[in-house]
C-alpha atoms as a PDB file:
ATOM      1  CA  UNK A   1      -1.789 -25.430   5.400  1.00  0.00           C
ATOM      2  CA  UNK A   2      -3.192 -22.188   4.428  1.00  0.00           C
ATOM      3  CA  UNK A   3      -5.165 -20.353   6.780  1.00  0.00           C
ATOM      4  CA  UNK A   4      -8.217 -19.129   4.892  1.00  0.00           C
ATOM      5  CA  UNK A   5      -8.953 -15.568   4.673  1.00  0.00           C
ATOM      6  CA  UNK A   6     -12.682 -14.920   5.963  1.00  0.00           C
ATOM      7  CA  UNK A   7     -14.559 -12.920   3.123  1.00  0.00           C
ATOM      8  CA  UNK A   8     -16.050  -9.818   3.778  1.00  0.00           C
ATOM      9  CA  UNK A   9     -18.892  -9.696   6.457  1.00  0.00           C
ATOM     10  CA  UNK A  10     -21.144  -6.957   5.833  1.00  0.00           C
ATOM     11  CA  UNK A  11     -19.093  -4.139   7.809  1.00  0.00           C
ATOM     12  CA  UNK A  12     -15.914  -5.087   6.430  1.00  0.00           C
ATOM     13  CA  UNK A  13     -17.859  -4.300   2.908  1.00  0.00           C
ATOM     14  CA  UNK A  14     -19.036  -1.106   4.048  1.00  0.00           C
ATOM     15  CA  UNK A  15     -15.471   0.116   5.253  1.00  0.00           C
ATOM     16  CA  UNK A  16     -14.403  -1.222   1.625  1.00  0.00           C
ATOM     17  CA  UNK A  17     -16.844   1.070  -0.177  1.00  0.00           C
ATOM     18  CA  UNK A  18     -15.554   3.573   2.300  1.00  0.00           C
ATOM     19  CA  UNK A  19     -12.009   3.205   1.308  1.00  0.00           C
ATOM     20  CA  UNK A  20     -13.342   3.447  -2.430  1.00  0.00           C
ATOM     21  CA  UNK A  21     -15.213   6.829  -1.844  1.00  0.00           C
ATOM     22  CA  UNK A  22     -12.349   8.090   0.085  1.00  0.00           C
ATOM     23  CA  UNK A  23      -9.668   6.954  -3.102  1.00  0.00           C
ATOM     24  CA  UNK A  24     -12.539   8.911  -5.687  1.00  0.00           C
ATOM     25  CA  UNK A  25     -12.541  12.587  -3.655  1.00  0.00           C
ATOM     26  CA  UNK A  26      -8.907  12.521  -3.206  1.00  0.00           C
ATOM     27  CA  UNK A  27      -6.872  10.469  -6.123  1.00  0.00           C
ATOM     28  CA  UNK A  28      -4.873  13.276  -7.625  1.00  0.00           C
ATOM     29  CA  UNK A  29      -4.778  11.316 -11.049  1.00  0.00           C
ATOM     30  CA  UNK A  30      -8.397  11.174 -11.899  1.00  0.00           C
ATOM     31  CA  UNK A  31      -8.163  14.190 -14.113  1.00  0.00           C
ATOM     32  CA  UNK A  32      -5.269  12.524 -15.843  1.00  0.00           C
ATOM     33  CA  UNK A  33      -6.426   8.995 -16.667  1.00  0.00           C
ATOM     34  CA  UNK A  34     -10.119  10.386 -17.626  1.00  0.00           C
ATOM     35  CA  UNK A  35      -9.590   9.795 -21.417  1.00  0.00           C
ATOM     36  CA  UNK A  36      -8.441   6.116 -20.934  1.00  0.00           C
ATOM     37  CA  UNK A  37     -11.642   4.678 -22.427  1.00  0.00           C
ATOM     38  CA  UNK A  38     -12.089   7.565 -24.627  1.00  0.00           C
ATOM     39  CA  UNK A  39      -9.142   6.738 -26.569  1.00  0.00           C
ATOM     40  CA  UNK A  40      -9.740   2.677 -26.117  1.00  0.00           C
ATOM     41  CA  UNK A  41     -12.804   3.059 -28.091  1.00  0.00           C
ATOM     42  CA  UNK A  42     -11.204   5.472 -30.921  1.00  0.00           C
ATOM     43  CA  UNK A  43     -13.466   8.768 -29.812  1.00  0.00           C
ATOM     44  CA  UNK A  44     -10.336  10.466 -28.536  1.00  0.00           C
ATOM     45  CA  UNK A  45      -8.660  13.255 -30.952  1.00  0.00           C
ATOM     46  CA  UNK A  46      -4.970  13.642 -31.533  1.00  0.00           C
ATOM     47  CA  UNK A  47      -4.665  16.057 -29.218  1.00  0.00           C
ATOM     48  CA  UNK A  48      -5.794  13.599 -26.395  1.00  0.00           C
ATOM     49  CA  UNK A  49      -2.916  11.375 -26.535  1.00  0.00           C
ATOM     50  CA  UNK A  50      -0.838  13.520 -24.488  1.00  0.00           C
ATOM     51  CA  UNK A  51      -3.413  12.407 -21.735  1.00  0.00           C
ATOM     52  CA  UNK A  52      -3.372   8.924 -22.600  1.00  0.00           C
ATOM     53  CA  UNK A  53       0.575   8.916 -22.208  1.00  0.00           C
ATOM     54  CA  UNK A  54       0.365  10.961 -18.819  1.00  0.00           C
ATOM     55  CA  UNK A  55      -2.747   8.382 -17.612  1.00  0.00           C
ATOM     56  CA  UNK A  56      -0.036   5.417 -18.040  1.00  0.00           C
ATOM     57  CA  UNK A  57       2.444   7.182 -15.863  1.00  0.00           C
ATOM     58  CA  UNK A  58      -0.307   7.337 -12.891  1.00  0.00           C
ATOM     59  CA  UNK A  59      -0.820   4.106 -13.329  1.00  0.00           C
ATOM     60  CA  UNK A  60       2.755   2.895 -12.706  1.00  0.00           C
ATOM     61  CA  UNK A  61       3.121   5.249  -9.839  1.00  0.00           C
ATOM     62  CA  UNK A  62      -0.033   4.118  -7.861  1.00  0.00           C
ATOM     63  CA  UNK A  63       1.110   3.239  -4.953  1.00  0.00           C
ATOM     64  CA  UNK A  64       2.699   6.844  -5.143  1.00  0.00           C
ATOM     65  CA  UNK A  65      -0.774   7.966  -5.387  1.00  0.00           C
ATOM     66  CA  UNK A  66      -2.234   6.619  -2.556  1.00  0.00           C
ATOM     67  CA  UNK A  67      -2.909   9.279  -0.378  1.00  0.00           C
ATOM     68  CA  UNK A  68      -2.500   8.914   4.290  1.00  0.00           C
ATOM     69  CA  UNK A  69      -6.591   8.592   4.265  1.00  0.00           C
ATOM     70  CA  UNK A  70      -6.790   6.112   1.354  1.00  0.00           C
ATOM     71  CA  UNK A  71      -3.900   4.264   3.176  1.00  0.00           C
ATOM     72  CA  UNK A  72      -5.814   4.994   6.772  1.00  0.00           C
ATOM     73  CA  UNK A  73      -8.911   3.052   5.057  1.00  0.00           C
ATOM     74  CA  UNK A  74      -7.590   0.210   3.778  1.00  0.00           C
ATOM     75  CA  UNK A  75      -5.473  -0.743   7.059  1.00  0.00           C
ATOM     76  CA  UNK A  76      -8.438  -0.293   8.743  1.00  0.00           C
ATOM     77  CA  UNK A  77     -10.321  -2.720   6.608  1.00  0.00           C
ATOM     78  CA  UNK A  78      -7.254  -5.297   6.972  1.00  0.00           C
ATOM     79  CA  UNK A  79      -7.258  -4.850  10.792  1.00  0.00           C
ATOM     80  CA  UNK A  80     -10.705  -5.497  10.503  1.00  0.00           C
ATOM     81  CA  UNK A  81     -10.375  -9.020   8.622  1.00  0.00           C
ATOM     82  CA  UNK A  82      -7.839  -9.889  10.545  1.00  0.00           C
ATOM     83  CA  UNK A  83     -10.010  -9.258  13.640  1.00  0.00           C
ATOM     84  CA  UNK A  84     -12.727 -11.863  12.371  1.00  0.00           C
ATOM     85  CA  UNK A  85      -9.493 -14.963  12.879  1.00  0.00           C
ATOM     86  CA  UNK A  86      -8.105 -13.207  16.714  1.00  0.00           C
ATOM     87  CA  UNK A  87      -9.743 -11.974  19.162  1.00  0.00           C
ATOM     88  CA  UNK A  88      -8.423  -8.848  20.997  1.00  0.00           C
ATOM     89  CA  UNK A  89      -7.240  -9.579  24.302  1.00  0.00           C
ATOM     90  CA  UNK A  90      -9.573  -7.425  26.729  1.00  0.00           C
ATOM     91  CA  UNK A  91      -6.665  -6.114  29.010  1.00  0.00           C
ATOM     92  CA  UNK A  92      -6.742  -2.615  29.560  1.00  0.00           C
ATOM     93  CA  UNK A  93      -3.061  -2.278  31.219  1.00  0.00           C
ATOM     94  CA  UNK A  94      -1.295  -4.540  28.658  1.00  0.00           C
ATOM     95  CA  UNK A  95      -2.850  -2.807  26.004  1.00  0.00           C
ATOM     96  CA  UNK A  96      -2.158   0.533  27.058  1.00  0.00           C
ATOM     97  CA  UNK A  97       1.767  -0.296  28.325  1.00  0.00           C
ATOM     98  CA  UNK A  98       1.845  -1.584  24.434  1.00  0.00           C
ATOM     99  CA  UNK A  99       0.456   1.331  22.907  1.00  0.00           C
ATOM    100  CA  UNK A 100       3.433   3.698  25.126  1.00  0.00           C
ATOM    101  CA  UNK A 101       5.864   1.600  23.958  1.00  0.00           C
ATOM    102  CA  UNK A 102       4.868   1.394  20.112  1.00  0.00           C
ATOM    103  CA  UNK A 103       3.765   4.980  20.030  1.00  0.00           C
ATOM    104  CA  UNK A 104       7.344   5.758  21.423  1.00  0.00           C
ATOM    105  CA  UNK A 105       8.965   3.716  18.927  1.00  0.00           C
ATOM    106  CA  UNK A 106       6.963   5.092  16.479  1.00  0.00           C
ATOM    107  CA  UNK A 107       8.518   8.529  16.782  1.00  0.00           C
ATOM    108  CA  UNK A 108      11.935   7.277  16.069  1.00  0.00           C
ATOM    109  CA  UNK A 109      10.974   6.042  13.209  1.00  0.00           C
ATOM    110  CA  UNK A 110      11.180   7.376   9.595  1.00  0.00           C
ATOM    111  CA  UNK A 111       7.438   7.817   9.678  1.00  0.00           C
ATOM    112  CA  UNK A 112       6.651   9.053  12.736  1.00  0.00           C
ATOM    113  CA  UNK A 113       2.778  10.068  12.127  1.00  0.00           C
ATOM    114  CA  UNK A 114       0.368   8.621  10.193  1.00  0.00           C
ATOM    115  CA  UNK A 115      -3.195   9.920   8.898  1.00  0.00           C
ATOM    116  CA  UNK A 116      -5.058   7.638  11.640  1.00  0.00           C
ATOM    117  CA  UNK A 117      -2.143   7.654  14.282  1.00  0.00           C
ATOM    118  CA  UNK A 118      -0.420   4.393  15.239  1.00  0.00           C
ATOM    119  CA  UNK A 119      -2.572   1.855  17.249  1.00  0.00           C
ATOM    120  CA  UNK A 120      -1.506  -1.139  18.977  1.00  0.00           C
ATOM    121  CA  UNK A 121      -3.549  -4.245  19.928  1.00  0.00           C
ATOM    122  CA  UNK A 122      -2.685  -7.435  21.871  1.00  0.00           C
ATOM    123  CA  UNK A 123      -4.387 -10.489  20.416  1.00  0.00           C
ATOM    124  CA  UNK A 124      -6.221 -13.617  21.959  1.00  0.00           C
ATOM    125  CA  UNK A 125      -4.526 -16.049  20.820  1.00  0.00           C
ATOM    126  CA  UNK A 126      -1.168 -18.747  21.460  1.00  0.00           C
ATOM    127  CA  UNK A 127      -0.094 -17.925  18.302  1.00  0.00           C
ATOM    128  CA  UNK A 128       3.140 -15.978  17.800  1.00  0.00           C
ATOM    129  CA  UNK A 129       2.044 -13.553  15.318  1.00  0.00           C
ATOM    130  CA  UNK A 130       2.128 -10.009  14.857  1.00  0.00           C
ATOM    131  CA  UNK A 131       0.553  -7.900  11.906  1.00  0.00           C
ATOM    132  CA  UNK A 132       1.112  -4.596  10.615  1.00  0.00           C
ATOM    133  CA  UNK A 133      -1.986  -3.235   8.665  1.00  0.00           C
ATOM    134  CA  UNK A 134      -1.306  -0.016   6.464  1.00  0.00           C
ATOM    135  CA  UNK A 135      -1.634   3.339   7.884  1.00  0.00           C
ATOM    136  CA  UNK A 136      -0.014   2.392  11.445  1.00  0.00           C
ATOM    137  CA  UNK A 137      -2.782  -0.150  13.242  1.00  0.00           C
ATOM    138  CA  UNK A 138      -0.270  -2.800  14.750  1.00  0.00           C
ATOM    139  CA  UNK A 139      -1.538  -6.523  16.150  1.00  0.00           C
ATOM    140  CA  UNK A 140       0.520  -8.759  18.179  1.00  0.00           C
ATOM    141  CA  UNK A 141      -0.568 -12.178  20.101  1.00  0.00           C
ATOM    142  CA  UNK A 142       0.081 -13.356  23.004  1.00  0.00           C
ATOM    143  CA  UNK A 143       2.345 -15.827  22.093  1.00  0.00           C
ATOM    144  CA  UNK A 144       4.194 -13.319  20.449  1.00  0.00           C
ATOM    145  CA  UNK A 145       4.163 -11.482  23.471  1.00  0.00           C
ATOM    146  CA  UNK A 146       5.741 -14.299  25.269  1.00  0.00           C
ATOM    147  CA  UNK A 147       8.744 -14.361  23.177  1.00  0.00           C
ATOM    148  CA  UNK A 148       9.690 -11.631  24.955  1.00  0.00           C
ATOM    149  CA  UNK A 149      11.516 -11.832  27.966  1.00  0.00           C
ATOM    150  CA  UNK A 150      11.821  -7.928  29.097  1.00  0.00           C
ATOM    151  CA  UNK A 151      10.525  -4.606  27.507  1.00  0.00           C
ATOM    152  CA  UNK A 152      13.551  -4.292  24.694  1.00  0.00           C
ATOM    153  CA  UNK A 153      12.297  -7.154  23.261  1.00  0.00           C
ATOM    154  CA  UNK A 154       9.067  -6.246  22.610  1.00  0.00           C
ATOM    155  CA  UNK A 155       9.905  -3.070  21.709  1.00  0.00           C
ATOM    156  CA  UNK A 156      12.084  -4.855  19.092  1.00  0.00           C
ATOM    157  CA  UNK A 157       9.088  -6.597  17.971  1.00  0.00           C
ATOM    158  CA  UNK A 158       7.347  -3.200  17.443  1.00  0.00           C
ATOM    159  CA  UNK A 159       9.712  -1.792  15.625  1.00  0.00           C
ATOM    160  CA  UNK A 160       9.707  -4.227  13.163  1.00  0.00           C
ATOM    161  CA  UNK A 161       6.371  -4.005  12.523  1.00  0.00           C
ATOM    162  CA  UNK A 162       6.155  -0.619  12.205  1.00  0.00           C
ATOM    163  CA  UNK A 163       8.848  -0.336  10.134  1.00  0.00           C
ATOM    164  CA  UNK A 164       6.698  -2.148   7.299  1.00  0.00           C
ATOM    165  CA  UNK A 165       4.146   0.283   8.169  1.00  0.00           C
ATOM    166  CA  UNK A 166       6.565   3.214   7.382  1.00  0.00           C
ATOM    167  CA  UNK A 167       7.778   1.385   4.303  1.00  0.00           C
ATOM    168  CA  UNK A 168       4.439   0.492   3.030  1.00  0.00           C
ATOM    169  CA  UNK A 169       4.634  -3.120   3.081  1.00  0.00           C
ATOM    170  CA  UNK A 170       1.635  -4.185   3.201  1.00  0.00           C
ATOM    171  CA  UNK A 171       0.489  -1.991   0.270  1.00  0.00           C
ATOM    172  CA  UNK A 172       3.078  -3.294  -2.442  1.00  0.00           C
ATOM    173  CA  UNK A 173       1.227  -6.624  -1.383  1.00  0.00           C
ATOM    174  CA  UNK A 174      -1.652  -5.179  -3.658  1.00  0.00           C
ATOM    175  CA  UNK A 175      -1.414  -6.581  -7.226  1.00  0.00           C
ATOM    176  CA  UNK A 176      -1.138  -3.611  -9.330  1.00  0.00           C
ATOM    177  CA  UNK A 177      -3.809  -4.685 -11.891  1.00  0.00           C
ATOM    178  CA  UNK A 178      -6.705  -4.263  -8.607  1.00  0.00           C
ATOM    179  CA  UNK A 179      -5.681  -0.658  -8.335  1.00  0.00           C
ATOM    180  CA  UNK A 180      -4.917  -0.005 -12.192  1.00  0.00           C
ATOM    181  CA  UNK A 181      -8.341  -1.108 -12.745  1.00  0.00           C
ATOM    182  CA  UNK A 182      -9.981   1.138  -9.829  1.00  0.00           C
ATOM    183  CA  UNK A 183      -7.901   4.003 -11.507  1.00  0.00           C
ATOM    184  CA  UNK A 184      -9.365   3.647 -14.952  1.00  0.00           C
ATOM    185  CA  UNK A 185     -12.619   2.988 -13.601  1.00  0.00           C
ATOM    186  CA  UNK A 186     -12.184   6.275 -12.048  1.00  0.00           C
ATOM    187  CA  UNK A 187     -11.162   8.408 -15.149  1.00  0.00           C
ATOM    188  CA  UNK A 188     -13.922   6.964 -17.485  1.00  0.00           C
ATOM    189  CA  UNK A 189     -16.309   8.843 -15.019  1.00  0.00           C
ATOM    190  CA  UNK A 190     -13.842  11.685 -14.411  1.00  0.00           C
ATOM    191  CA  UNK A 191     -16.137  14.635 -13.974  1.00  0.00           C
ATOM    192  CA  UNK A 192     -19.020  13.431 -13.076  1.00  0.00           C
ATOM    193  CA  UNK A 193     -20.783  11.252 -10.216  1.00  0.00           C
ATOM    194  CA  UNK A 194     -19.797   7.232 -10.252  1.00  0.00           C
ATOM    195  CA  UNK A 195     -22.982   4.932 -11.586  1.00  0.00           C
ATOM    196  CA  UNK A 196     -23.554   2.274  -9.327  1.00  0.00           C
ATOM    197  CA  UNK A 197     -22.120  -0.148 -11.103  1.00  0.00           C
ATOM    198  CA  UNK A 198     -18.629   1.970 -11.361  1.00  0.00           C
ATOM    199  CA  UNK A 199     -19.079   2.667  -7.764  1.00  0.00           C
ATOM    200  CA  UNK A 200     -19.240  -1.509  -7.446  1.00  0.00           C
ATOM    201  CA  UNK A 201     -16.169  -1.849  -9.536  1.00  0.00           C
ATOM    202  CA  UNK A 202     -13.856   0.242  -7.594  1.00  0.00           C
ATOM    203  CA  UNK A 203     -15.450  -1.378  -4.073  1.00  0.00           C
ATOM    204  CA  UNK A 204     -14.434  -4.561  -5.733  1.00  0.00           C
ATOM    205  CA  UNK A 205     -10.959  -3.726  -6.467  1.00  0.00           C
ATOM    206  CA  UNK A 206     -10.575  -2.103  -2.918  1.00  0.00           C
ATOM    207  CA  UNK A 207     -12.127  -5.662  -1.968  1.00  0.00           C
ATOM    208  CA  UNK A 208      -9.157  -7.385  -3.653  1.00  0.00           C
ATOM    209  CA  UNK A 209      -6.423  -5.244  -2.212  1.00  0.00           C
ATOM    210  CA  UNK A 210      -7.773  -5.597   1.143  1.00  0.00           C
ATOM    211  CA  UNK A 211      -6.902  -9.676   0.401  1.00  0.00           C
ATOM    212  CA  UNK A 212      -4.244  -9.554  -0.978  1.00  0.00           C
ATOM    213  CA  UNK A 213      -2.866  -7.611   1.873  1.00  0.00           C
ATOM    214  CA  UNK A 214      -4.220 -10.287   4.660  1.00  0.00           C
ATOM    215  CA  UNK A 215      -3.688 -13.146   2.357  1.00  0.00           C
ATOM    216  CA  UNK A 216      -0.027 -12.078   2.331  1.00  0.00           C
ATOM    217  CA  UNK A 217       0.354 -11.334   6.596  1.00  0.00           C
ATOM    218  CA  UNK A 218      -1.372 -14.530   7.289  1.00  0.00           C
ATOM    219  CA  UNK A 219      -0.919 -16.823   4.686  1.00  0.00           C
ATOM    220  CA  UNK A 220       1.880 -16.228   2.226  1.00  0.00           C
ATOM    221  CA  UNK A 221       4.321 -13.734   3.883  1.00  0.00           C
ATOM    222  CA  UNK A 222       6.477 -10.822   2.686  1.00  0.00           C
ATOM    223  CA  UNK A 223       9.334 -11.593   1.192  1.00  0.00           C
ATOM    224  CA  UNK A 224      13.158 -12.498   2.943  1.00  0.00           C
ATOM    225  CA  UNK A 225      14.228  -8.956   1.476  1.00  0.00           C
ATOM    226  CA  UNK A 226      11.294  -7.357   2.806  1.00  0.00           C
ATOM    227  CA  UNK A 227      11.942  -9.154   6.474  1.00  0.00           C
ATOM    228  CA  UNK A 228      15.213  -8.362   6.680  1.00  0.00           C
ATOM    229  CA  UNK A 229      14.806  -4.589   5.493  1.00  0.00           C
ATOM    230  CA  UNK A 230      12.019  -4.649   8.549  1.00  0.00           C
ATOM    231  CA  UNK A 231      14.653  -6.192  10.624  1.00  0.00           C
ATOM    232  CA  UNK A 232      17.286  -3.600   9.353  1.00  0.00           C
ATOM    233  CA  UNK A 233      14.625  -1.068  10.534  1.00  0.00           C
ATOM    234  CA  UNK A 234      14.058  -2.522  13.948  1.00  0.00           C
ATOM    235  CA  UNK A 235      17.647  -1.774  14.485  1.00  0.00           C
ATOM    236  CA  UNK A 236      17.573   1.549  13.792  1.00  0.00           C
ATOM    237  CA  UNK A 237      14.278   2.455  15.866  1.00  0.00           C
ATOM    238  CA  UNK A 238      16.151   1.242  18.964  1.00  0.00           C
ATOM    239  CA  UNK A 239      19.598   2.869  18.501  1.00  0.00           C
ATOM    240  CA  UNK A 240      17.621   5.736  18.617  1.00  0.00           C
ATOM    241  CA  UNK A 241      15.595   5.185  21.350  1.00  0.00           C
ATOM    242  CA  UNK A 242      18.651   3.513  23.288  1.00  0.00           C
ATOM    243  CA  UNK A 243      17.761   0.101  23.798  1.00  0.00           C
ATOM    244  CA  UNK A 244      20.801  -2.190  22.676  1.00  0.00           C
ATOM    245  CA  UNK A 245      19.357  -3.857  19.530  1.00  0.00           C
ATOM    246  CA  UNK A 246      20.653  -7.083  20.055  1.00  0.00           C
ATOM    247  CA  UNK A 247      17.345  -7.886  21.810  1.00  0.00           C
ATOM    248  CA  UNK A 248      15.906  -8.383  18.466  1.00  0.00           C
ATOM    249  CA  UNK A 249      18.229 -11.312  18.237  1.00  0.00           C
ATOM    250  CA  UNK A 250      17.812 -12.716  21.795  1.00  0.00           C
ATOM    251  CA  UNK A 251      13.716 -12.454  21.129  1.00  0.00           C
ATOM    252  CA  UNK A 252      14.325 -14.580  18.073  1.00  0.00           C
ATOM    253  CA  UNK A 253      16.593 -17.107  19.868  1.00  0.00           C
ATOM    254  CA  UNK A 254      13.411 -17.614  22.342  1.00  0.00           C
ATOM    255  CA  UNK A 255      10.880 -17.751  19.547  1.00  0.00           C
ATOM    256  CA  UNK A 256      12.370 -20.324  17.596  1.00  0.00           C
ATOM    257  CA  UNK A 257      12.582 -22.541  20.892  1.00  0.00           C
ATOM    258  CA  UNK A 258       8.787 -21.716  20.863  1.00  0.00           C
ATOM    259  CA  UNK A 259       8.063 -22.732  16.845  1.00  0.00           C
ATOM    260  CA  UNK A 260       6.750 -25.616  16.153  1.00  0.00           C
ATOM    261  CA  UNK A 261       7.031 -27.120  12.547  1.00  0.00           C
ATOM    262  CA  UNK A 262       3.192 -26.950  11.973  1.00  0.00           C
ATOM    263  CA  UNK A 263       2.843 -23.773  13.445  1.00  0.00           C
ATOM    264  CA  UNK A 264       0.929 -21.132  12.136  1.00  0.00           C
ATOM    265  CA  UNK A 265       2.269 -17.587  12.344  1.00  0.00           C
ATOM    266  CA  UNK A 266       5.742 -15.925  12.378  1.00  0.00           C
ATOM    267  CA  UNK A 267       6.826 -19.942  10.980  1.00  0.00           C
ATOM    268  CA  UNK A 268       4.590 -20.169   8.312  1.00  0.00           C
ATOM    269  CA  UNK A 269       4.908 -16.491   7.340  1.00  0.00           C
ATOM    270  CA  UNK A 270       8.917 -15.015   8.067  1.00  0.00           C
ATOM    271  CA  UNK A 271      12.177 -16.392   7.222  1.00  0.00           C
ATOM    272  CA  UNK A 272      13.501 -18.997   9.932  1.00  0.00           C
ATOM    273  CA  UNK A 273      14.755 -17.199  13.244  1.00  0.00           C
ATOM    274  CA  UNK A 274      18.398 -18.462  12.355  1.00  0.00           C
ATOM    275  CA  UNK A 275      18.020 -17.196   9.274  1.00  0.00           C
ATOM    276  CA  UNK A 276      16.981 -13.450  10.689  1.00  0.00           C
ATOM    277  CA  UNK A 277      19.930 -13.880  13.064  1.00  0.00           C
ATOM    278  CA  UNK A 278      22.385 -14.496  10.752  1.00  0.00           C
ATOM    279  CA  UNK A 279      20.751 -11.428   8.665  1.00  0.00           C
ATOM    280  CA  UNK A 280      21.279  -9.516  11.936  1.00  0.00           C
ATOM    281  CA  UNK A 281      24.760  -9.916  12.695  1.00  0.00           C
ATOM    282  CA  UNK A 282      25.910  -8.822   9.544  1.00  0.00           C
ATOM    283  CA  UNK A 283      23.924  -5.187  10.731  1.00  0.00           C
ATOM    284  CA  UNK A 284      24.974  -5.452  14.785  1.00  0.00           C
ATOM    285  CA  UNK A 285      27.816  -7.325  14.617  1.00  0.00           C
ATOM    286  CA  UNK A 286      28.328  -9.670  17.812  1.00  0.00           C
ATOM    287  CA  UNK A 287      27.026  -7.362  19.976  1.00  0.00           C
ATOM    288  CA  UNK A 288      26.816  -8.075  23.477  1.00  0.00           C
ATOM    289  CA  UNK A 289      22.947  -9.149  24.993  1.00  0.00           C
ATOM    290  CA  UNK A 290      21.214  -6.194  26.293  1.00  0.00           C
ATOM    291  CA  UNK A 291      21.986  -6.323  30.153  1.00  0.00           C
ATOM    292  CA  UNK A 292      17.901  -6.195  32.124  1.00  0.00           C
ATOM    293  CA  UNK A 293      17.468  -2.691  33.209  1.00  0.00           C
ATOM    294  CA  UNK A 294      15.845  -3.057  36.822  1.00  0.00           C
ATOM    295  CA  UNK A 295      13.100  -0.002  36.035  1.00  0.00           C
ATOM    296  CA  UNK A 296      12.382  -1.478  32.341  1.00  0.00           C
ATOM    297  CA  UNK A 297      11.742  -5.370  33.532  1.00  0.00           C
ATOM    298  CA  UNK A 298       9.535  -4.193  36.424  1.00  0.00           C
ATOM    299  CA  UNK A 299       7.189  -1.902  33.915  1.00  0.00           C
ATOM    300  CA  UNK A 300       7.502  -4.910  31.543  1.00  0.00           C
ATOM    301  CA  UNK A 301       6.194  -7.846  34.182  1.00  0.00           C
ATOM    302  CA  UNK A 302       3.752  -5.435  35.443  1.00  0.00           C
ATOM    303  CA  UNK A 303       1.920  -4.782  32.473  1.00  0.00           C
ATOM    304  CA  UNK A 304       2.965  -8.399  30.609  1.00  0.00           C
ATOM    305  CA  UNK A 305       2.524 -10.534  33.702  1.00  0.00           C
ATOM    306  CA  UNK A 306       0.868 -13.263  32.681  1.00  0.00           C
ATOM    307  CA  UNK A 307      -0.422 -12.224  29.333  1.00  0.00           C
END
């Protein structure tokens, strides 16, 4: 059964509008797509045909044209939507530890910095799940933490989610038609301020984009290829950090024992732990499970004990 994505509340709608305004001010292709509507209605002269070609090329590379600032505002709206369903877990020490591990892991990724920076937050739910919103807002459930028996395994979870941000998997869940529509509207208004109806159209496109991302994360999940890519990215991050990547395997084994056939979370939105383990072993081989570091274990128990 699919989880119903909450409709955007007024606050979230304002965030989407803000994202749309940022898109208006920052989009590098506005001048290129300014002639689309004129060409379609026959009012463009022959000299403007090249502009139409350029605009089509710009739309094809829409995701490349999303600036870090735009990605941040989209991510804020996505995270806010997730938090309509899941409440934050209010425990300062646990969240501080999660952020310390996450911020450190991010530095070893291929995208160590984002416009708004990485932020990590625990969610108050027993459901086994984690969400990576565009721009670096990463939410991890208490149920997911309980699948981790040590710091190495928690780092594995965070490294997987960081790779989703790094590779912009969330943004790629947006239906291309939505951003094409936004670019076309912006092109029609190039050189002038957006009228009320045009701003509403761009805002609607961004609201739809937010729904596309949250629906993918909370209902349908990414493709197997995407999840395997995130696992491989996690392995690379862990190796650079000095953590044994086999911790990702042991975490998945523990997750497999906790997931129920009808459970939400990873059980519905990710390939089965068994399948992911098989793919991981192709990358890391039959590496022995990590030896438990006393210092790391003490840190983990102090911060996450009782979570």
